[in-house]
Amino acid sequence: MGICEIAVEFDESEMALIQAHANISNMSFSEFVRRAALEKVEDMVDIEAFNETLMEDDGTRYSMADAMYMAMQNE
């Protein structure tokens, strides 16, 4: 897997804001933007999984005591 280079356009105020936060985080501009993009993708995947799970929810709920009992039975 190689590294791909892309171009992203920011206006001056966006660039300054991102650079300031990258500096605070001790990251390069590129690393900061790369991590932010990957975190956004992870968030979107998590939301999609949550929504799918919510659609499959049958309404069954367990108390903490019941959950602990079931966990101990499966050991």
N, C-alpha and C. Protein backbone atom coordinates (compact mmCIF):
# COMPACT_ATOMS: atom_id res chain seq x y z
N MET A 1 0.85 -1.17 0.00
CA MET A 1 0.00 0.00 0.00
C MET A 1 0.89 1.23 0.00
N GLY A 2 0.78 2.02 -1.03
CA GLY A 2 1.58 3.24 -1.14
C GLY A 2 0.86 4.43 -0.56
N ILE A 3 1.54 5.52 -0.58
CA ILE A 3 0.97 6.77 -0.10
C ILE A 3 0.51 7.57 -1.30
N CYS A 4 -0.74 8.07 -1.23
CA CYS A 4 -1.30 8.90 -2.29
C CYS A 4 -1.27 10.35 -1.84
N GLU A 5 -0.99 11.20 -2.75
CA GLU A 5 -0.96 12.62 -2.44
C GLU A 5 -2.18 13.27 -3.07
N ILE A 6 -2.87 14.14 -2.31
CA ILE A 6 -4.04 14.84 -2.82
C ILE A 6 -3.90 16.33 -2.56
N ALA A 7 -4.74 17.09 -3.20
CA ALA A 7 -4.77 18.54 -2.97
C ALA A 7 -6.14 18.88 -2.39
N VAL A 8 -6.13 19.65 -1.32
CA VAL A 8 -7.36 20.13 -0.70
C VAL A 8 -7.23 21.63 -0.58
N GLU A 9 -8.26 22.34 -0.97
CA GLU A 9 -8.21 23.80 -0.93
C GLU A 9 -8.89 24.34 0.33
N PHE A 10 -8.19 25.24 1.03
CA PHE A 10 -8.72 25.95 2.18
C PHE A 10 -8.52 27.43 1.95
N ASP A 11 -9.45 28.25 2.45
CA ASP A 11 -9.18 29.68 2.38
C ASP A 11 -8.19 30.02 3.50
N GLU A 12 -7.70 31.25 3.50
CA GLU A 12 -6.63 31.61 4.44
C GLU A 12 -7.05 31.45 5.90
N SER A 13 -8.29 31.82 6.22
CA SER A 13 -8.72 31.72 7.63
C SER A 13 -8.87 30.25 8.05
N GLU A 14 -9.36 29.40 7.16
CA GLU A 14 -9.45 27.97 7.46
C GLU A 14 -8.07 27.38 7.67
N MET A 15 -7.16 27.75 6.79
CA MET A 15 -5.79 27.25 6.85
C MET A 15 -5.14 27.65 8.18
N ALA A 16 -5.34 28.91 8.57
CA ALA A 16 -4.75 29.41 9.82
C ALA A 16 -5.34 28.69 11.02
N LEU A 17 -6.65 28.47 11.01
CA LEU A 17 -7.31 27.79 12.11
C LEU A 17 -6.81 26.35 12.24
N ILE A 18 -6.74 25.66 11.12
CA ILE A 18 -6.26 24.27 11.13
C ILE A 18 -4.80 24.22 11.57
N GLN A 19 -3.98 25.11 11.03
CA GLN A 19 -2.56 25.12 11.39
C GLN A 19 -2.36 25.38 12.87
N ALA A 20 -3.16 26.29 13.43
CA ALA A 20 -3.05 26.59 14.86
C ALA A 20 -3.35 25.35 15.70
N HIS A 21 -4.38 24.62 15.33
CA HIS A 21 -4.73 23.42 16.09
C HIS A 21 -3.72 22.29 15.85
N ALA A 22 -3.18 22.23 14.67
CA ALA A 22 -2.13 21.24 14.40
C ALA A 22 -0.92 21.54 15.26
N ASN A 23 -0.56 22.81 15.36
CA ASN A 23 0.58 23.21 16.20
C ASN A 23 0.35 22.85 17.66
N ILE A 24 -0.86 23.14 18.17
CA ILE A 24 -1.18 22.82 19.55
C ILE A 24 -1.07 21.32 19.79
N SER A 25 -1.42 20.54 18.77
CA SER A 25 -1.39 19.07 18.87
C SER A 25 -0.03 18.48 18.54
N ASN A 26 0.95 19.34 18.27
CA ASN A 26 2.30 18.91 17.89
C ASN A 26 2.27 17.98 16.67
N MET A 27 1.45 18.35 15.68
CA MET A 27 1.36 17.59 14.43
C MET A 27 1.61 18.52 13.26
N SER A 28 2.02 17.91 12.18
CA SER A 28 2.11 18.69 10.95
C SER A 28 0.69 18.97 10.46
N PHE A 29 0.55 19.95 9.60
CA PHE A 29 -0.75 20.26 9.01
C PHE A 29 -1.32 19.02 8.33
N SER A 30 -0.49 18.35 7.56
CA SER A 30 -0.91 17.18 6.81
C SER A 30 -1.40 16.07 7.73
N GLU A 31 -0.66 15.79 8.79
CA GLU A 31 -1.04 14.74 9.74
C GLU A 31 -2.34 15.10 10.44
N PHE A 32 -2.49 16.36 10.81
CA PHE A 32 -3.71 16.79 11.49
C PHE A 32 -4.93 16.60 10.59
N VAL A 33 -4.83 17.03 9.35
CA VAL A 33 -5.94 16.90 8.40
C VAL A 33 -6.22 15.42 8.11
N ARG A 34 -5.17 14.62 7.95
CA ARG A 34 -5.34 13.19 7.69
C ARG A 34 -6.08 12.52 8.84
N ARG A 35 -5.65 12.79 10.07
CA ARG A 35 -6.30 12.20 11.25
C ARG A 35 -7.75 12.66 11.38
N ALA A 36 -7.99 13.94 11.12
CA ALA A 36 -9.35 14.47 11.22
C ALA A 36 -10.27 13.78 10.20
N ALA A 37 -9.77 13.57 9.00
CA ALA A 37 -10.57 12.91 7.97
C ALA A 37 -10.86 11.46 8.36
N LEU A 38 -9.87 10.75 8.87
CA LEU A 38 -10.07 9.36 9.28
C LEU A 38 -11.02 9.26 10.47
N GLU A 39 -10.93 10.19 11.42
CA GLU A 39 -11.84 10.20 12.55
C GLU A 39 -13.28 10.44 12.09
N LYS A 40 -13.46 11.32 11.11
CA LYS A 40 -14.79 11.58 10.57
C LYS A 40 -15.37 10.32 9.94
N VAL A 41 -14.55 9.59 9.18
CA VAL A 41 -15.00 8.34 8.57
C VAL A 41 -15.39 7.34 9.65
N GLU A 42 -14.56 7.21 10.69
CA GLU A 42 -14.86 6.29 11.78
C GLU A 42 -16.18 6.66 12.46
N ASP A 43 -16.40 7.96 12.68
CA ASP A 43 -17.66 8.42 13.28
C ASP A 43 -18.85 8.03 12.41
N MET A 44 -18.72 8.21 11.11
CA MET A 44 -19.81 7.89 10.20
C MET A 44 -20.10 6.39 10.18
N VAL A 45 -19.06 5.57 10.22
CA VAL A 45 -19.22 4.11 10.26
C VAL A 45 -19.91 3.71 11.57
N ASP A 46 -19.50 4.32 12.69
CA ASP A 46 -20.12 4.03 13.98
C ASP A 46 -21.60 4.39 13.98
N ILE A 47 -21.95 5.55 13.41
CA ILE A 47 -23.35 5.98 13.36
C ILE A 47 -24.16 5.03 12.49
N GLU A 48 -23.60 4.61 11.38
CA GLU A 48 -24.29 3.66 10.50
C GLU A 48 -24.53 2.33 11.23
N ALA A 49 -23.53 1.83 11.94
CA ALA A 49 -23.68 0.58 12.69
C ALA A 49 -24.72 0.74 13.79
N PHE A 50 -24.69 1.87 14.47
CA PHE A 50 -25.68 2.13 15.53
C PHE A 50 -27.09 2.13 14.96
N ASN A 51 -27.28 2.83 13.84
CA ASN A 51 -28.61 2.90 13.23
C ASN A 51 -29.09 1.52 12.78
N GLU A 52 -28.19 0.71 12.23
CA GLU A 52 -28.57 -0.65 11.82
C GLU A 52 -28.97 -1.48 13.04
N THR A 53 -28.20 -1.36 14.11
CA THR A 53 -28.51 -2.09 15.33
C THR A 53 -29.82 -1.63 15.93
N LEU A 54 -30.07 -0.32 15.91
CA LEU A 54 -31.30 0.23 16.43
C LEU A 54 -32.52 -0.31 15.68
N MET A 55 -32.38 -0.48 14.37
CA MET A 55 -33.48 -1.00 13.56
C MET A 55 -33.77 -2.47 13.89
N GLU A 56 -32.77 -3.19 14.37
CA GLU A 56 -32.93 -4.61 14.72
C GLU A 56 -33.32 -4.81 16.18
N ASP A 57 -33.40 -3.72 16.95
CA ASP A 57 -33.69 -3.79 18.38
C ASP A 57 -35.10 -4.31 18.61
N ASP A 58 -35.21 -5.38 19.39
CA ASP A 58 -36.52 -5.95 19.68
C ASP A 58 -37.10 -5.44 21.00
N GLY A 59 -36.40 -4.53 21.64
CA GLY A 59 -36.90 -3.93 22.88
C GLY A 59 -36.52 -4.69 24.14
N THR A 60 -35.84 -5.82 24.01
CA THR A 60 -35.45 -6.60 25.18
C THR A 60 -34.39 -5.83 25.98
N ARG A 61 -34.61 -5.74 27.29
CA ARG A 61 -33.66 -5.06 28.17
C ARG A 61 -33.38 -5.98 29.35
N TYR A 62 -32.16 -5.89 29.88
CA TYR A 62 -31.75 -6.69 31.03
C TYR A 62 -31.22 -5.78 32.11
N SER A 63 -31.48 -6.14 33.35
CA SER A 63 -30.90 -5.40 34.47
C SER A 63 -29.41 -5.73 34.54
N MET A 64 -28.67 -4.93 35.28
CA MET A 64 -27.24 -5.20 35.44
C MET A 64 -27.04 -6.54 36.13
N ALA A 65 -27.88 -6.85 37.10
CA ALA A 65 -27.76 -8.14 37.80
C ALA A 65 -27.98 -9.30 36.83
N ASP A 66 -28.98 -9.18 35.97
CA ASP A 66 -29.23 -10.24 34.98
C ASP A 66 -28.06 -10.37 34.00
N ALA A 67 -27.52 -9.24 33.57
CA ALA A 67 -26.39 -9.27 32.63
C ALA A 67 -25.18 -9.92 33.29
N MET A 68 -24.92 -9.60 34.54
CA MET A 68 -23.80 -10.21 35.26
C MET A 68 -24.02 -11.72 35.41
N TYR A 69 -25.25 -12.11 35.74
CA TYR A 69 -25.56 -13.53 35.89
C TYR A 69 -25.32 -14.27 34.58
N MET A 70 -25.81 -13.70 33.47
CA MET A 70 -25.64 -14.34 32.16
C MET A 70 -24.16 -14.44 31.79
N ALA A 71 -23.38 -13.39 32.11
CA ALA A 71 -21.95 -13.39 31.80
C ALA A 71 -21.25 -14.49 32.58
N MET A 72 -21.62 -14.65 33.84
CA MET A 72 -20.99 -15.68 34.67
C MET A 72 -21.37 -17.08 34.21
N GLN A 73 -22.57 -17.24 33.68
CA GLN A 73 -23.00 -18.55 33.17
C GLN A 73 -22.23 -18.95 31.92
N ASN A 74 -21.77 -17.97 31.16
CA ASN A 74 -21.06 -18.24 29.90
C ASN A 74 -19.56 -18.45 30.09
N GLU A 75 -19.08 -18.31 31.30
CA GLU A 75 -17.63 -18.49 31.53
C GLU A 75 -17.26 -19.94 31.59
